Amino acid sequence: KPKEQEILDFREACNKVIHAKSFEPETVQTTPGTRAPPLTGRLVLYGDRQGKEWCAELDLKEYAFSALTLNP
């Protein structure tokens, strides 16, 4: 299913970060001619597993908070 979505637990999020082949920081759309667009705090990761492509979106604030909560 190409558009199947699931919520990742922290372990799976870590695996996506480790195994990502590419990534794109999500930015706010701005008018042309402005400087670098501001970041939203979300990161889109791309990779593949056993020949099947995947895409994961991470909220970096939640990811960091989970890391701190699990490893004080």
C-alpha atoms as a PDB file:
ATOM      1  CA  LYS A   1       0.000   0.000   0.000  1.00  0.00           C
ATOM      2  CA  PRO A   2       1.892   3.074  -1.181  1.00  0.00           C
ATOM      3  CA  LYS A   3       0.196   5.573   1.181  1.00  0.00           C
ATOM      4  CA  GLU A   4      -0.041   3.389   4.296  1.00  0.00           C
ATOM      5  CA  GLN A   5       0.755   5.434   7.397  1.00  0.00           C
ATOM      6  CA  GLU A   6       1.644   4.388  10.908  1.00  0.00           C
ATOM      7  CA  ILE A   7       2.835   6.113  14.038  1.00  0.00           C
ATOM      8  CA  LEU A   8       6.433   5.248  14.842  1.00  0.00           C
ATOM      9  CA  ASP A   9       7.590   4.412  18.323  1.00  0.00           C
ATOM     10  CA  PHE A  10      10.921   5.879  19.412  1.00  0.00           C
ATOM     11  CA  ARG A  11      12.909   2.770  18.425  1.00  0.00           C
ATOM     12  CA  GLU A  12      11.463   2.762  14.908  1.00  0.00           C
ATOM     13  CA  ALA A  13      12.074   6.516  14.580  1.00  0.00           C
ATOM     14  CA  CYS A  14      15.726   5.913  15.504  1.00  0.00           C
ATOM     15  CA  ASN A  15      15.944   3.172  12.866  1.00  0.00           C
ATOM     16  CA  LYS A  16      14.543   5.538  10.228  1.00  0.00           C
ATOM     17  CA  VAL A  17      17.132   8.181  11.143  1.00  0.00           C
ATOM     18  CA  ILE A  18      19.979   5.645  10.997  1.00  0.00           C
ATOM     19  CA  HIS A  19      18.907   4.017   7.731  1.00  0.00           C
ATOM     20  CA  ALA A  20      17.660   7.058   5.798  1.00  0.00           C
ATOM     21  CA  LYS A  21      19.256   7.467   2.382  1.00  0.00           C
ATOM     22  CA  SER A  22      18.175  11.103   2.100  1.00  0.00           C
ATOM     23  CA  PHE A  23      16.275  13.725   4.060  1.00  0.00           C
ATOM     24  CA  GLU A  24      14.604  17.099   3.641  1.00  0.00           C
ATOM     25  CA  PRO A  25      14.008  19.588   6.434  1.00  0.00           C
ATOM     26  CA  GLU A  26      10.470  20.919   6.113  1.00  0.00           C
ATOM     27  CA  THR A  27      10.315  24.685   5.602  1.00  0.00           C
ATOM     28  CA  VAL A  28       7.632  27.338   5.617  1.00  0.00           C
ATOM     29  CA  GLN A  29       6.740  28.602   2.163  1.00  0.00           C
ATOM     30  CA  THR A  30       7.793  32.200   1.700  1.00  0.00           C
ATOM     31  CA  THR A  31       7.609  34.726  -1.073  1.00  0.00           C
ATOM     32  CA  PRO A  32      10.255  34.517  -3.790  1.00  0.00           C
ATOM     33  CA  GLY A  33      13.375  36.564  -3.206  1.00  0.00           C
ATOM     34  CA  THR A  34      13.448  36.153   0.575  1.00  0.00           C
ATOM     35  CA  ARG A  35      16.374  34.591   2.389  1.00  0.00           C
ATOM     36  CA  ALA A  36      16.406  30.956   3.468  1.00  0.00           C
ATOM     37  CA  PRO A  37      12.899  29.918   4.483  1.00  0.00           C
ATOM     38  CA  PRO A  38      12.315  29.203   8.178  1.00  0.00           C
ATOM     39  CA  LEU A  39      12.309  25.594   9.330  1.00  0.00           C
ATOM     40  CA  THR A  40       9.142  24.032  10.755  1.00  0.00           C
ATOM     41  CA  GLY A  41      10.826  21.562  13.109  1.00  0.00           C
ATOM     42  CA  ARG A  42       9.832  18.581  10.977  1.00  0.00           C
ATOM     43  CA  LEU A  43      12.183  16.330   9.044  1.00  0.00           C
ATOM     44  CA  VAL A  44      11.177  14.090   6.141  1.00  0.00           C
ATOM     45  CA  LEU A  45      13.341  10.980   5.731  1.00  0.00           C
ATOM     46  CA  TYR A  46      13.517   8.662   2.711  1.00  0.00           C
ATOM     47  CA  GLY A  47      14.944   5.184   2.393  1.00  0.00           C
ATOM     48  CA  ASP A  48      14.226   1.631   1.360  1.00  0.00           C
ATOM     49  CA  ARG A  49      13.992  -1.730   3.051  1.00  0.00           C
ATOM     50  CA  GLN A  50      14.059  -5.022   1.164  1.00  0.00           C
ATOM     51  CA  GLY A  51      13.449  -3.182  -2.103  1.00  0.00           C
ATOM     52  CA  LYS A  52      10.441  -1.281  -0.761  1.00  0.00           C
ATOM     53  CA  GLU A  53      10.717   2.509  -0.507  1.00  0.00           C
ATOM     54  CA  TRP A  54       9.570   4.330   2.616  1.00  0.00           C
ATOM     55  CA  CYS A  55       9.103   7.915   3.760  1.00  0.00           C
ATOM     56  CA  ALA A  56       8.978   9.007   7.412  1.00  0.00           C
ATOM     57  CA  GLU A  57       8.117  12.391   8.894  1.00  0.00           C
ATOM     58  CA  LEU A  58       9.651  13.258  12.261  1.00  0.00           C
ATOM     59  CA  ASP A  59       8.682  16.069  14.587  1.00  0.00           C
ATOM     60  CA  LEU A  60      12.144  16.949  15.865  1.00  0.00           C
ATOM     61  CA  LYS A  61      10.883  18.458  19.132  1.00  0.00           C
ATOM     62  CA  GLU A  62       8.984  15.267  19.989  1.00  0.00           C
ATOM     63  CA  TYR A  63      11.933  13.136  18.926  1.00  0.00           C
ATOM     64  CA  ALA A  64      14.325  15.070  21.181  1.00  0.00           C
ATOM     65  CA  PHE A  65      11.848  15.045  24.077  1.00  0.00           C
ATOM     66  CA  SER A  66      11.434  11.259  23.734  1.00  0.00           C
ATOM     67  CA  ALA A  67      15.212  10.816  23.762  1.00  0.00           C
ATOM     68  CA  LEU A  68      15.495  12.887  26.951  1.00  0.00           C
ATOM     69  CA  THR A  69      12.591  11.084  28.605  1.00  0.00           C
ATOM     70  CA  LEU A  70      13.997   7.636  27.849  1.00  0.00           C
ATOM     71  CA  ASN A  71      17.602   8.552  28.722  1.00  0.00           C
ATOM     72  CA  PRO A  72      17.580  11.180  31.493  1.00  0.00           C
END
